[in-house]
């Protein structure tokens, strides 16, 4: 299983370029970001590893994403059409990598199951695009004793089966986030995405870190002044 280090939001406040470099040096093979700007920022620091845009982007950003060599997540026809036009106009030496996100219950971003096969077929059949991954995201894997993650995995597998039947050559699949990695759910796919746990922070109070993991950053201060206040001050 290949590890994707999620370094969105400036590496969760830790400094995205430095976290990205440390993660890659330690064995991570892909990076995950939320916006085109974040991906461009990593490229500006000479990071040439695969960078996956995990969030929705505006259609007007498709050209910039292609220009930075970012892997774009698609979940609908509108963005796909813009990406197809941008890919044809980019004169890149290789096809633009695209990940298809399937919404299995989080209801934040992703194609519904009934639309996934048509989108995947369209991506895979475009010579200017490369279907680089198909994935979903857990809604409640960090909650105690919840059955919904199992339901999401079942639906995701059903979608994958339908794509196989439709003749789509399956790319790497991924589903596990930090909570999934720590609880062993969704980790049997080709890629796992480590986010909050990468920084030594547990996903929730009910999903602890593994032994030996600790926070990568702490904030310390000291008191510089004490003053007494009277009632009414």
Protein backbone atom coordinates (compact mmCIF):
# COMPACT_ATOMS: atom_id res chain seq x y z
CA UNK A 1 0.00 0.00 0.00
CA UNK A 2 1.35 3.41 -1.02
CA UNK A 3 1.07 6.26 1.45
CA UNK A 4 -0.38 9.64 0.53
CA UNK A 5 0.70 12.34 2.98
CA UNK A 6 -2.03 14.96 3.24
CA UNK A 7 -0.41 18.38 3.64
CA UNK A 8 -3.41 20.64 3.10
CA UNK A 9 -3.87 23.85 5.13
CA UNK A 10 -0.10 24.46 5.17
CA UNK A 11 0.52 20.97 6.47
CA UNK A 12 -2.12 21.38 9.19
CA UNK A 13 -0.21 24.46 10.29
CA UNK A 14 3.17 22.74 10.40
CA UNK A 15 4.60 24.12 7.14
CA UNK A 16 3.53 22.22 4.02
CA UNK A 17 6.83 22.24 2.06
CA UNK A 18 8.84 20.92 5.00
CA UNK A 19 6.26 18.33 6.02
CA UNK A 20 5.97 17.22 2.39
CA UNK A 21 9.72 16.80 2.02
CA UNK A 22 10.03 14.92 5.31
CA UNK A 23 7.14 12.61 4.39
CA UNK A 24 8.56 11.86 0.96
CA UNK A 25 12.01 11.22 2.40
CA UNK A 26 10.41 8.80 4.88
CA UNK A 27 8.67 6.78 2.17
CA UNK A 28 5.42 8.53 1.24
CA UNK A 29 4.82 8.42 -2.52
CA UNK A 30 2.03 10.95 -3.02
CA UNK A 31 0.92 14.23 -1.48
CA UNK A 32 -2.62 15.45 -0.95
CA UNK A 33 -3.75 19.08 -0.94
CA UNK A 34 -7.08 20.89 -0.99
CA UNK A 35 -6.52 23.74 -3.44
CA UNK A 36 -4.62 24.58 -6.59
CA UNK A 37 -2.71 27.29 -4.71
CA UNK A 38 -1.46 24.72 -2.21
CA UNK A 39 -0.23 22.49 -5.02
CA UNK A 40 1.47 25.37 -6.79
CA UNK A 41 3.19 26.30 -3.52
CA UNK A 42 4.71 22.83 -3.26
CA UNK A 43 5.87 22.95 -6.86
CA UNK A 44 7.54 26.30 -6.12
CA UNK A 45 9.64 24.45 -3.51
CA UNK A 46 10.87 22.01 -6.18
CA UNK A 47 8.68 19.15 -5.01
CA UNK A 48 8.03 16.97 -8.05
CA UNK A 49 6.15 14.08 -6.43
CA UNK A 50 2.54 13.37 -7.45
CA UNK A 51 0.25 15.95 -5.83
CA UNK A 52 -3.45 15.11 -5.67
CA UNK A 53 -6.11 17.81 -5.38
CA UNK A 54 -8.52 16.19 -2.94
CA UNK A 55 -11.09 18.99 -3.00
CA UNK A 56 -13.35 20.42 -5.62
CA UNK A 57 -11.82 23.15 -7.74
CA UNK A 58 -13.51 25.78 -9.85
CA UNK A 59 -13.66 25.08 -13.56
CA UNK A 60 -11.61 28.23 -14.18
CA UNK A 61 -8.70 26.67 -12.25
CA UNK A 62 -8.38 23.65 -14.53
CA UNK A 63 -5.67 25.22 -16.69
CA UNK A 64 -3.61 26.23 -13.65
CA UNK A 65 -3.91 22.73 -12.22
CA UNK A 66 -2.71 21.23 -15.51
CA UNK A 67 0.13 23.73 -15.72
CA UNK A 68 1.38 22.73 -12.27
CA UNK A 69 1.17 19.04 -13.06
CA UNK A 70 -1.42 18.40 -10.34
CA UNK A 71 -3.67 15.36 -10.22
CA UNK A 72 -7.27 16.61 -10.22
CA UNK A 73 -10.24 15.03 -8.46
CA UNK A 74 -13.35 14.94 -10.63
CA UNK A 75 -16.89 14.22 -9.46
CA UNK A 76 -19.08 15.66 -12.19
CA UNK A 77 -19.37 16.50 -15.86
CA UNK A 78 -18.81 20.25 -15.57
CA UNK A 79 -15.30 20.06 -14.11
CA UNK A 80 -14.45 17.11 -16.33
CA UNK A 81 -15.33 19.09 -19.45
CA UNK A 82 -13.20 22.03 -18.32
CA UNK A 83 -10.34 19.69 -17.53
CA UNK A 84 -10.59 18.05 -20.92
CA UNK A 85 -10.33 21.42 -22.63
CA UNK A 86 -7.42 22.48 -20.42
CA UNK A 87 -5.59 19.19 -21.02
CA UNK A 88 -5.83 19.65 -24.77
CA UNK A 89 -4.55 23.20 -24.55
CA UNK A 90 -1.69 22.50 -22.14
CA UNK A 91 0.64 20.81 -24.67
CA UNK A 92 1.86 18.62 -21.82
CA UNK A 93 4.11 15.71 -22.70
CA UNK A 94 1.93 13.28 -20.76
CA UNK A 95 -1.82 12.99 -20.03
CA UNK A 96 -3.32 14.86 -17.08
CA UNK A 97 -3.88 12.53 -14.13
CA UNK A 98 -7.44 12.42 -12.81
CA UNK A 99 -8.91 10.82 -9.71
CA UNK A 100 -12.62 9.99 -9.57
CA UNK A 101 -14.19 10.53 -6.17
CA UNK A 102 -17.28 8.52 -5.28
CA UNK A 103 -19.62 9.84 -2.60
CA UNK A 104 -20.60 6.86 -0.47
CA UNK A 105 -22.27 8.84 2.29
CA UNK A 106 -20.24 11.83 3.46
CA UNK A 107 -22.25 14.09 1.09
CA UNK A 108 -19.45 16.63 0.82
CA UNK A 109 -17.97 16.04 -2.62
CA UNK A 110 -18.09 13.11 -4.99
CA UNK A 111 -20.05 11.45 -7.74
CA UNK A 112 -23.09 9.44 -6.72
CA UNK A 113 -22.76 5.75 -7.36
CA UNK A 114 -25.06 5.74 -10.40
CA UNK A 115 -22.91 8.35 -12.18
CA UNK A 116 -19.48 6.91 -11.41
CA UNK A 117 -19.30 4.39 -14.26
CA UNK A 118 -20.10 6.96 -16.95
CA UNK A 119 -17.52 9.40 -15.59
CA UNK A 120 -14.83 6.75 -15.25
CA UNK A 121 -15.47 5.51 -18.79
CA UNK A 122 -15.24 9.04 -20.14
CA UNK A 123 -11.98 9.75 -18.30
CA UNK A 124 -10.39 6.45 -19.28
CA UNK A 125 -11.35 6.96 -22.93
CA UNK A 126 -9.77 10.39 -23.26
CA UNK A 127 -6.20 10.20 -24.59
CA UNK A 128 -5.37 13.51 -22.91
CA UNK A 129 -6.39 12.19 -19.47
CA UNK A 130 -5.19 9.32 -17.28
CA UNK A 131 -7.48 7.69 -14.74
CA UNK A 132 -5.00 7.71 -11.85
CA UNK A 133 -7.26 6.70 -8.99
CA UNK A 134 -10.79 6.08 -7.72
CA UNK A 135 -11.57 6.82 -4.11
CA UNK A 136 -14.08 7.67 -1.42
CA UNK A 137 -13.89 9.35 1.99
CA UNK A 138 -15.20 8.09 5.30
CA UNK A 139 -17.84 10.11 7.14
CA UNK A 140 -17.56 8.73 10.67
CA UNK A 141 -14.60 6.36 10.96
CA UNK A 142 -13.38 8.34 13.98
CA UNK A 143 -16.56 7.66 15.99
CA UNK A 144 -16.91 4.73 18.41
CA UNK A 145 -18.74 1.56 17.39
CA UNK A 146 -20.23 3.04 14.24
CA UNK A 147 -21.35 0.70 11.42
CA UNK A 148 -21.50 3.32 8.66
CA UNK A 149 -17.90 2.90 7.54
CA UNK A 150 -18.62 -0.74 6.71
CA UNK A 151 -21.64 0.39 4.69
CA UNK A 152 -19.49 2.90 2.83
CA UNK A 153 -16.87 0.29 1.98
CA UNK A 154 -19.57 -2.07 0.73
CA UNK A 155 -21.01 0.62 -1.54
CA UNK A 156 -17.55 1.59 -2.78
CA UNK A 157 -16.76 -2.04 -3.65
CA UNK A 158 -20.08 -2.30 -5.50
CA UNK A 159 -19.19 0.78 -7.55
CA UNK A 160 -15.75 -0.65 -8.31
CA UNK A 161 -17.36 -3.91 -9.42
CA UNK A 162 -19.71 -2.01 -11.74
CA UNK A 163 -16.75 -0.20 -13.29
CA UNK A 164 -15.01 -3.51 -13.89
CA UNK A 165 -18.14 -4.88 -15.57
CA UNK A 166 -18.31 -1.72 -17.71
CA UNK A 167 -14.85 -2.49 -19.02
CA UNK A 168 -12.97 0.23 -17.15
CA UNK A 169 -9.39 -0.72 -16.39
CA UNK A 170 -9.22 -0.09 -12.69
CA UNK A 171 -6.58 2.33 -11.40
CA UNK A 172 -5.30 2.38 -7.81
CA UNK A 173 -8.13 2.62 -5.27
CA UNK A 174 -8.08 4.45 -1.96
CA UNK A 175 -10.45 5.00 0.95
CA UNK A 176 -8.63 4.96 4.30
CA UNK A 177 -8.07 8.28 6.06
CA UNK A 178 -6.21 8.61 9.37
CA UNK A 179 -9.01 6.96 11.34
CA UNK A 180 -9.25 4.20 8.77
CA UNK A 181 -5.52 3.57 8.90
CA UNK A 182 -5.48 3.42 12.70
CA UNK A 183 -8.51 1.10 12.88
CA UNK A 184 -7.57 -1.03 9.88
CA UNK A 185 -10.53 -0.17 7.66
CA UNK A 186 -10.06 0.56 3.97
CA UNK A 187 -6.35 -0.19 4.17
CA UNK A 188 -6.40 -3.11 1.72
CA UNK A 189 -6.55 -0.80 -1.28
CA UNK A 190 -3.51 0.44 -3.21
CA UNK A 191 -3.27 3.85 -1.46
CA UNK A 192 -3.95 5.09 2.08
CA UNK A 193 -4.26 8.78 2.95
CA UNK A 194 -2.71 9.92 6.23
CA UNK A 195 -3.86 13.34 7.37
CA UNK A 196 -4.21 14.42 10.99
CA UNK A 197 -2.41 11.32 12.31
CA UNK A 198 0.64 12.21 10.23
CA UNK A 199 1.25 15.04 12.68
CA UNK A 200 0.88 12.93 15.80
CA UNK A 201 -2.66 14.04 16.56
CA UNK A 202 -5.38 11.42 17.11
CA UNK A 203 -8.43 11.69 14.83
CA UNK A 204 -10.66 11.66 17.91
CA UNK A 205 -10.67 10.69 21.56
CA UNK A 206 -11.92 7.21 20.63
CA UNK A 207 -9.28 6.51 17.96
CA UNK A 208 -5.89 6.61 19.68
CA UNK A 209 -2.54 6.81 17.98
CA UNK A 210 -0.29 3.80 17.72
CA UNK A 211 2.34 3.27 20.43
CA UNK A 212 5.37 5.47 19.87
CA UNK A 213 3.52 8.14 17.91
CA UNK A 214 3.73 11.64 19.32
CA UNK A 215 2.87 15.15 18.27
CA UNK A 216 5.24 16.66 15.73
CA UNK A 217 4.74 20.20 17.01
CA UNK A 218 4.01 21.76 20.36
CA UNK A 219 3.46 25.38 21.31
CA UNK A 220 5.07 26.62 24.51
CA UNK A 221 4.95 29.96 26.27
CA UNK A 222 5.72 31.52 29.62
CA UNK A 223 3.94 34.04 31.78
CA UNK A 224 5.41 37.52 31.39
CA UNK A 225 3.08 39.47 33.65
CA UNK A 226 0.71 38.91 36.53
CA UNK A 227 -1.68 41.65 37.64
CA UNK A 228 -4.34 41.67 40.27
CA UNK A 229 -7.84 42.80 39.27
CA UNK A 230 -10.41 44.19 41.62
CA UNK A 231 -14.14 43.66 41.12
CA UNK A 232 -15.31 46.07 38.41
CA UNK A 233 -11.91 46.38 36.68
